[in-house]
Amino acid sequence: MIMSEKYKRFDAAEFGLPSAGLRFELHPLAGTARRRRLVLLLAVGATVALAGCRGEAAGSSAGGCEAPRVIAEQAEASPGERLEISGTGFFDGCVDTSANGTPEGDMSPYATVAIVVTQDGSVVVEQVAVPVEPDGTFETTLVLPEDLSTEPITVTAPDIAGTEPVVLTISAS
C-alpha cells in the first residue's frame, strides 16, 4: 500500500483482484466500516468488469470471449486446389461461454463475412458474402488460382476485428 499526504492509495492487486491498472484512493478520515464497504464494492465491480469479456488467449473460450477464427481443413494446398474453409466465433460483440463451452447470453452473429486469401500482400481470392450461421460459424469452399507461387497464403476475414487468420503452405504443382 502506498501512502500519500492526504489519501491512502490502494492497488486492486492488494485485494487479490486482477490489477489492470485499477487504483483507488480513500481519504484517511473515512471510517473503517465505510472503507470496507467501498473496498468490497470496488472489488465486486472490478471482478465483474474484468471477468466479462477478457479472453485468456486469443481464440480461447476459457476466459469468456472467443476471438473469431478462420480454420482450414489442411495445412498445405496446391495451386488450383479447392480449399475448405470454416470459421467460429463470428458474433457482433463478446461471446461469453460457460465452463462446458456453450455460449451464454444474447448474441448476434454477423449476417455474412468476407473471406480473403492473400499471398505476398496481394489478394488472390475473395468471397465477399459468406453466410454466417446463428451459432457464429460458417463454411465455404475456395478455389485457389493456378498461378500461385510457393510462398505461404493467409486466409482471413479482414472486416472483422480480432479475427485469427490461418496460414497455409503452398506446394509446387
C-alpha atoms as a PDB file:
ATOM      1  CA  MET A   1       0.000   0.000   0.000  1.00  0.00           C
ATOM      2  CA  ILE A   2       1.344   3.423  -0.942  1.00  0.00           C
ATOM      3  CA  MET A   3       0.696   6.334   1.411  1.00  0.00           C
ATOM      4  CA  SER A   4       0.276   9.914   0.237  1.00  0.00           C
ATOM      5  CA  GLU A   5      -0.137  13.006   2.382  1.00  0.00           C
ATOM      6  CA  LYS A   6      -3.940  13.124   2.294  1.00  0.00           C
ATOM      7  CA  TYR A   7      -5.134   9.837   0.920  1.00  0.00           C
ATOM      8  CA  LYS A   8      -4.421   6.159   1.252  1.00  0.00           C
ATOM      9  CA  ARG A   9      -3.898   4.674  -2.197  1.00  0.00           C
ATOM     10  CA  PHE A  10      -4.823   1.057  -2.838  1.00  0.00           C
ATOM     11  CA  ASP A  11      -3.994  -1.166  -5.784  1.00  0.00           C
ATOM     12  CA  ALA A  12      -6.538  -3.823  -6.805  1.00  0.00           C
ATOM     13  CA  ALA A  13      -3.779  -6.467  -6.675  1.00  0.00           C
ATOM     14  CA  GLU A  14      -3.525  -5.936  -2.905  1.00  0.00           C
ATOM     15  CA  PHE A  15      -7.008  -7.435  -2.634  1.00  0.00           C
ATOM     16  CA  GLY A  16      -6.311 -10.399  -4.900  1.00  0.00           C
ATOM     17  CA  LEU A  17      -8.009  -8.821  -7.922  1.00  0.00           C
ATOM     18  CA  PRO A  18      -6.628  -8.637 -11.451  1.00  0.00           C
ATOM     19  CA  SER A  19      -4.971  -5.234 -11.385  1.00  0.00           C
ATOM     20  CA  ALA A  20      -5.381  -3.933 -14.944  1.00  0.00           C
ATOM     21  CA  GLY A  21      -4.140  -0.616 -13.562  1.00  0.00           C
ATOM     22  CA  LEU A  22      -7.142  -0.265 -11.248  1.00  0.00           C
ATOM     23  CA  ARG A  23      -6.306   2.001  -8.337  1.00  0.00           C
ATOM     24  CA  PHE A  24      -8.475   3.866  -5.890  1.00  0.00           C
ATOM     25  CA  GLU A  25      -7.864   6.305  -3.064  1.00  0.00           C
ATOM     26  CA  LEU A  26      -9.599   6.833   0.266  1.00  0.00           C
ATOM     27  CA  HIS A  27      -9.480   9.859   2.474  1.00  0.00           C
ATOM     28  CA  PRO A  28      -7.808   8.937   5.797  1.00  0.00           C
ATOM     29  CA  LEU A  29     -10.840  10.211   7.721  1.00  0.00           C
ATOM     30  CA  ALA A  30     -13.131   7.694   6.036  1.00  0.00           C
ATOM     31  CA  GLY A  31     -14.333   5.270   8.709  1.00  0.00           C
ATOM     32  CA  THR A  32     -13.202   1.668   8.780  1.00  0.00           C
ATOM     33  CA  ALA A  33     -16.682   0.257   8.063  1.00  0.00           C
ATOM     34  CA  ARG A  34     -17.145   2.745   5.234  1.00  0.00           C
ATOM     35  CA  ARG A  35     -13.717   1.854   3.844  1.00  0.00           C
ATOM     36  CA  ARG A  36     -14.541  -1.868   3.918  1.00  0.00           C
ATOM     37  CA  ARG A  37     -17.837  -1.301   2.093  1.00  0.00           C
ATOM     38  CA  LEU A  38     -16.083   0.786  -0.559  1.00  0.00           C
ATOM     39  CA  VAL A  39     -13.332  -1.780  -0.989  1.00  0.00           C
ATOM     40  CA  LEU A  40     -15.923  -4.553  -1.280  1.00  0.00           C
ATOM     41  CA  LEU A  41     -17.982  -2.562  -3.777  1.00  0.00           C
ATOM     42  CA  LEU A  42     -14.920  -1.761  -5.879  1.00  0.00           C
ATOM     43  CA  ALA A  43     -13.704  -5.351  -5.683  1.00  0.00           C
ATOM     44  CA  VAL A  44     -17.034  -6.737  -6.892  1.00  0.00           C
ATOM     45  CA  GLY A  45     -17.272  -4.114  -9.636  1.00  0.00           C
ATOM     46  CA  ALA A  46     -13.723  -4.747 -10.815  1.00  0.00           C
ATOM     47  CA  THR A  47     -14.205  -8.503 -10.807  1.00  0.00           C
ATOM     48  CA  VAL A  48     -17.405  -8.269 -12.840  1.00  0.00           C
ATOM     49  CA  ALA A  49     -15.928  -5.750 -15.272  1.00  0.00           C
ATOM     50  CA  LEU A  50     -12.719  -7.668 -15.826  1.00  0.00           C
ATOM     51  CA  ALA A  51     -14.255 -11.144 -15.944  1.00  0.00           C
ATOM     52  CA  GLY A  52     -16.957 -10.469 -18.538  1.00  0.00           C
ATOM     53  CA  CYS A  53     -15.021 -10.120 -21.795  1.00  0.00           C
ATOM     54  CA  ARG A  54     -11.428 -10.955 -21.098  1.00  0.00           C
ATOM     55  CA  GLY A  55     -10.194 -13.928 -23.120  1.00  0.00           C
ATOM     56  CA  GLU A  56      -7.296 -15.874 -21.671  1.00  0.00           C
ATOM     57  CA  ALA A  57      -5.792 -16.277 -25.100  1.00  0.00           C
ATOM     58  CA  ALA A  58      -6.985 -15.229 -28.482  1.00  0.00           C
ATOM     59  CA  GLY A  59      -9.389 -17.842 -29.768  1.00  0.00           C
ATOM     60  CA  SER A  60      -9.880 -19.360 -26.363  1.00  0.00           C
ATOM     61  CA  SER A  61     -13.334 -19.590 -24.868  1.00  0.00           C
ATOM     62  CA  ALA A  62     -11.774 -20.341 -21.475  1.00  0.00           C
ATOM     63  CA  GLY A  63     -11.676 -16.671 -20.496  1.00  0.00           C
ATOM     64  CA  GLY A  64     -15.021 -15.571 -21.868  1.00  0.00           C
ATOM     65  CA  CYS A  65     -14.635 -14.078 -25.317  1.00  0.00           C
ATOM     66  CA  GLU A  66     -13.854 -16.300 -28.219  1.00  0.00           C
ATOM     67  CA  ALA A  67     -11.956 -14.445 -30.936  1.00  0.00           C
ATOM     68  CA  PRO A  68     -13.309 -15.017 -34.439  1.00  0.00           C
ATOM     69  CA  ARG A  69     -11.152 -17.679 -36.071  1.00  0.00           C
ATOM     70  CA  VAL A  70     -10.701 -18.881 -39.642  1.00  0.00           C
ATOM     71  CA  ILE A  71      -9.948 -22.611 -39.994  1.00  0.00           C
ATOM     72  CA  ALA A  72      -8.606 -24.587 -42.961  1.00  0.00           C
ATOM     73  CA  GLU A  73      -9.092 -28.336 -43.291  1.00  0.00           C
ATOM     74  CA  GLN A  74      -5.462 -28.783 -44.343  1.00  0.00           C
ATOM     75  CA  ALA A  75      -2.138 -27.078 -43.620  1.00  0.00           C
ATOM     76  CA  GLU A  76      -0.874 -27.307 -47.211  1.00  0.00           C
ATOM     77  CA  ALA A  77      -2.516 -26.606 -50.546  1.00  0.00           C
ATOM     78  CA  SER A  78      -1.631 -26.630 -54.233  1.00  0.00           C
ATOM     79  CA  PRO A  79      -2.377 -24.078 -56.952  1.00  0.00           C
ATOM     80  CA  GLY A  80      -5.809 -24.758 -58.488  1.00  0.00           C
ATOM     81  CA  GLU A  81      -6.935 -26.818 -55.479  1.00  0.00           C
ATOM     82  CA  ARG A  82     -10.315 -26.489 -53.750  1.00  0.00           C
ATOM     83  CA  LEU A  83      -9.830 -25.281 -50.194  1.00  0.00           C
ATOM     84  CA  GLU A  84     -12.434 -25.996 -47.476  1.00  0.00           C
ATOM     85  CA  ILE A  85     -12.580 -23.023 -45.086  1.00  0.00           C
ATOM     86  CA  SER A  86     -14.690 -22.673 -41.947  1.00  0.00           C
ATOM     87  CA  GLY A  87     -14.870 -20.224 -39.078  1.00  0.00           C
ATOM     88  CA  THR A  88     -16.034 -19.950 -35.483  1.00  0.00           C
ATOM     89  CA  GLY A  89     -16.833 -17.085 -33.123  1.00  0.00           C
ATOM     90  CA  PHE A  90     -18.258 -14.681 -35.727  1.00  0.00           C
ATOM     91  CA  PHE A  91     -20.515 -12.728 -33.369  1.00  0.00           C
ATOM     92  CA  ASP A  92     -21.031  -8.990 -33.187  1.00  0.00           C
ATOM     93  CA  GLY A  93     -19.663  -8.380 -29.688  1.00  0.00           C
ATOM     94  CA  CYS A  94     -18.412 -10.502 -26.830  1.00  0.00           C
ATOM     95  CA  VAL A  95     -19.474 -14.123 -26.660  1.00  0.00           C
ATOM     96  CA  ASP A  96     -19.362 -15.338 -23.077  1.00  0.00           C
ATOM     97  CA  THR A  97     -19.201 -19.093 -22.650  1.00  0.00           C
ATOM     98  CA  SER A  98     -19.935 -21.401 -19.779  1.00  0.00           C
ATOM     99  CA  ALA A  99     -17.420 -23.895 -18.412  1.00  0.00           C
ATOM    100  CA  ASN A 100     -18.582 -26.528 -20.907  1.00  0.00           C
ATOM    101  CA  GLY A 101     -18.027 -24.163 -23.859  1.00  0.00           C
ATOM    102  CA  THR A 102     -21.710 -23.489 -24.538  1.00  0.00           C
ATOM    103  CA  PRO A 103     -22.354 -19.839 -25.472  1.00  0.00           C
ATOM    104  CA  GLU A 104     -24.485 -17.923 -22.978  1.00  0.00           C
ATOM    105  CA  GLY A 105     -26.409 -14.668 -23.182  1.00  0.00           C
ATOM    106  CA  ASP A 106     -27.720 -12.628 -26.061  1.00  0.00           C
ATOM    107  CA  MET A 107     -25.553 -12.988 -29.143  1.00  0.00           C
ATOM    108  CA  SER A 108     -25.867 -11.632 -32.661  1.00  0.00           C
ATOM    109  CA  PRO A 109     -23.933 -13.444 -35.348  1.00  0.00           C
ATOM    110  CA  TYR A 110     -22.778 -11.423 -38.316  1.00  0.00           C
ATOM    111  CA  ALA A 111     -25.085 -11.966 -41.307  1.00  0.00           C
ATOM    112  CA  THR A 112     -22.157 -12.510 -43.687  1.00  0.00           C
ATOM    113  CA  VAL A 113     -18.388 -12.412 -43.601  1.00  0.00           C
ATOM    114  CA  ALA A 114     -15.884 -11.618 -46.347  1.00  0.00           C
ATOM    115  CA  ILE A 115     -13.124 -14.210 -46.723  1.00  0.00           C
ATOM    116  CA  VAL A 116      -9.877 -13.094 -48.327  1.00  0.00           C
ATOM    117  CA  VAL A 117      -6.827 -15.106 -49.379  1.00  0.00           C
ATOM    118  CA  THR A 118      -3.585 -13.162 -49.739  1.00  0.00           C
ATOM    119  CA  GLN A 119      -0.117 -14.090 -50.910  1.00  0.00           C
ATOM    120  CA  ASP A 120       2.826 -11.705 -50.565  1.00  0.00           C
ATOM    121  CA  GLY A 121       0.377  -8.950 -49.545  1.00  0.00           C
ATOM    122  CA  SER A 122      -1.790  -9.273 -52.683  1.00  0.00           C
ATOM    123  CA  VAL A 123      -5.382 -10.530 -52.720  1.00  0.00           C
ATOM    124  CA  VAL A 124      -5.577 -13.751 -54.770  1.00  0.00           C
ATOM    125  CA  VAL A 125      -9.117 -14.928 -53.850  1.00  0.00           C
ATOM    126  CA  GLU A 126     -12.037 -13.093 -52.248  1.00  0.00           C
ATOM    127  CA  GLN A 127     -15.553 -14.163 -51.311  1.00  0.00           C
ATOM    128  CA  VAL A 128     -17.441 -11.083 -50.160  1.00  0.00           C
ATOM    129  CA  ALA A 129     -20.633 -12.534 -48.637  1.00  0.00           C
ATOM    130  CA  VAL A 130     -20.207 -15.915 -46.960  1.00  0.00           C
ATOM    131  CA  PRO A 131     -23.317 -16.546 -44.792  1.00  0.00           C
ATOM    132  CA  VAL A 132     -22.767 -16.915 -41.035  1.00  0.00           C
ATOM    133  CA  GLU A 133     -24.937 -19.413 -39.129  1.00  0.00           C
ATOM    134  CA  PRO A 134     -26.815 -18.456 -35.915  1.00  0.00           C
ATOM    135  CA  ASP A 135     -24.101 -20.210 -33.873  1.00  0.00           C
ATOM    136  CA  GLY A 136     -21.421 -17.864 -35.299  1.00  0.00           C
ATOM    137  CA  THR A 137     -19.903 -20.416 -37.687  1.00  0.00           C
ATOM    138  CA  PHE A 138     -19.513 -20.518 -41.461  1.00  0.00           C
ATOM    139  CA  GLU A 139     -18.269 -22.941 -44.115  1.00  0.00           C
ATOM    140  CA  THR A 140     -17.183 -22.207 -47.657  1.00  0.00           C
ATOM    141  CA  THR A 141     -15.062 -23.614 -50.461  1.00  0.00           C
ATOM    142  CA  LEU A 142     -12.456 -21.533 -52.268  1.00  0.00           C
ATOM    143  CA  VAL A 143     -10.625 -22.432 -55.462  1.00  0.00           C
ATOM    144  CA  LEU A 144      -7.022 -21.311 -55.425  1.00  0.00           C
ATOM    145  CA  PRO A 145      -5.620 -19.731 -58.618  1.00  0.00           C
ATOM    146  CA  GLU A 146      -3.386 -21.867 -60.845  1.00  0.00           C
ATOM    147  CA  ASP A 147      -0.648 -19.224 -60.897  1.00  0.00           C
ATOM    148  CA  LEU A 148       0.153 -19.171 -57.149  1.00  0.00           C
ATOM    149  CA  SER A 149       3.820 -19.135 -56.188  1.00  0.00           C
ATOM    150  CA  THR A 150       5.154 -21.432 -53.474  1.00  0.00           C
ATOM    151  CA  GLU A 151       5.015 -18.612 -50.899  1.00  0.00           C
ATOM    152  CA  PRO A 152       2.544 -19.187 -47.998  1.00  0.00           C
ATOM    153  CA  ILE A 153      -1.019 -17.874 -48.250  1.00  0.00           C
ATOM    154  CA  THR A 154      -3.065 -16.256 -45.492  1.00  0.00           C
ATOM    155  CA  VAL A 155      -6.824 -16.766 -45.210  1.00  0.00           C
ATOM    156  CA  THR A 156      -8.699 -14.257 -43.062  1.00  0.00           C
ATOM    157  CA  ALA A 157     -11.873 -12.249 -42.551  1.00  0.00           C
ATOM    158  CA  PRO A 158     -10.324  -8.759 -42.729  1.00  0.00           C
ATOM    159  CA  ASP A 159     -13.523  -6.804 -41.969  1.00  0.00           C
ATOM    160  CA  ILE A 160     -13.995  -8.451 -38.543  1.00  0.00           C
ATOM    161  CA  ALA A 161     -11.664  -7.019 -35.892  1.00  0.00           C
ATOM    162  CA  GLY A 162      -9.606  -9.547 -33.957  1.00  0.00           C
ATOM    163  CA  THR A 163     -10.053 -12.388 -36.454  1.00  0.00           C
ATOM    164  CA  GLU A 164      -7.361 -15.038 -36.186  1.00  0.00           C
ATOM    165  CA  PRO A 165      -6.164 -15.878 -39.719  1.00  0.00           C
ATOM    166  CA  VAL A 166      -4.841 -19.198 -40.922  1.00  0.00           C
ATOM    167  CA  VAL A 167      -1.588 -19.530 -42.876  1.00  0.00           C
ATOM    168  CA  LEU A 168      -1.097 -22.388 -45.342  1.00  0.00           C
ATOM    169  CA  THR A 169       1.978 -23.500 -47.231  1.00  0.00           C
ATOM    170  CA  ILE A 170       1.711 -23.884 -50.993  1.00  0.00           C
ATOM    171  CA  SER A 171       3.245 -26.928 -52.609  1.00  0.00           C
ATOM    172  CA  ALA A 172       4.663 -26.833 -56.107  1.00  0.00           C
ATOM    173  CA  SER A 173       2.173 -28.046 -58.697  1.00  0.00           C
END
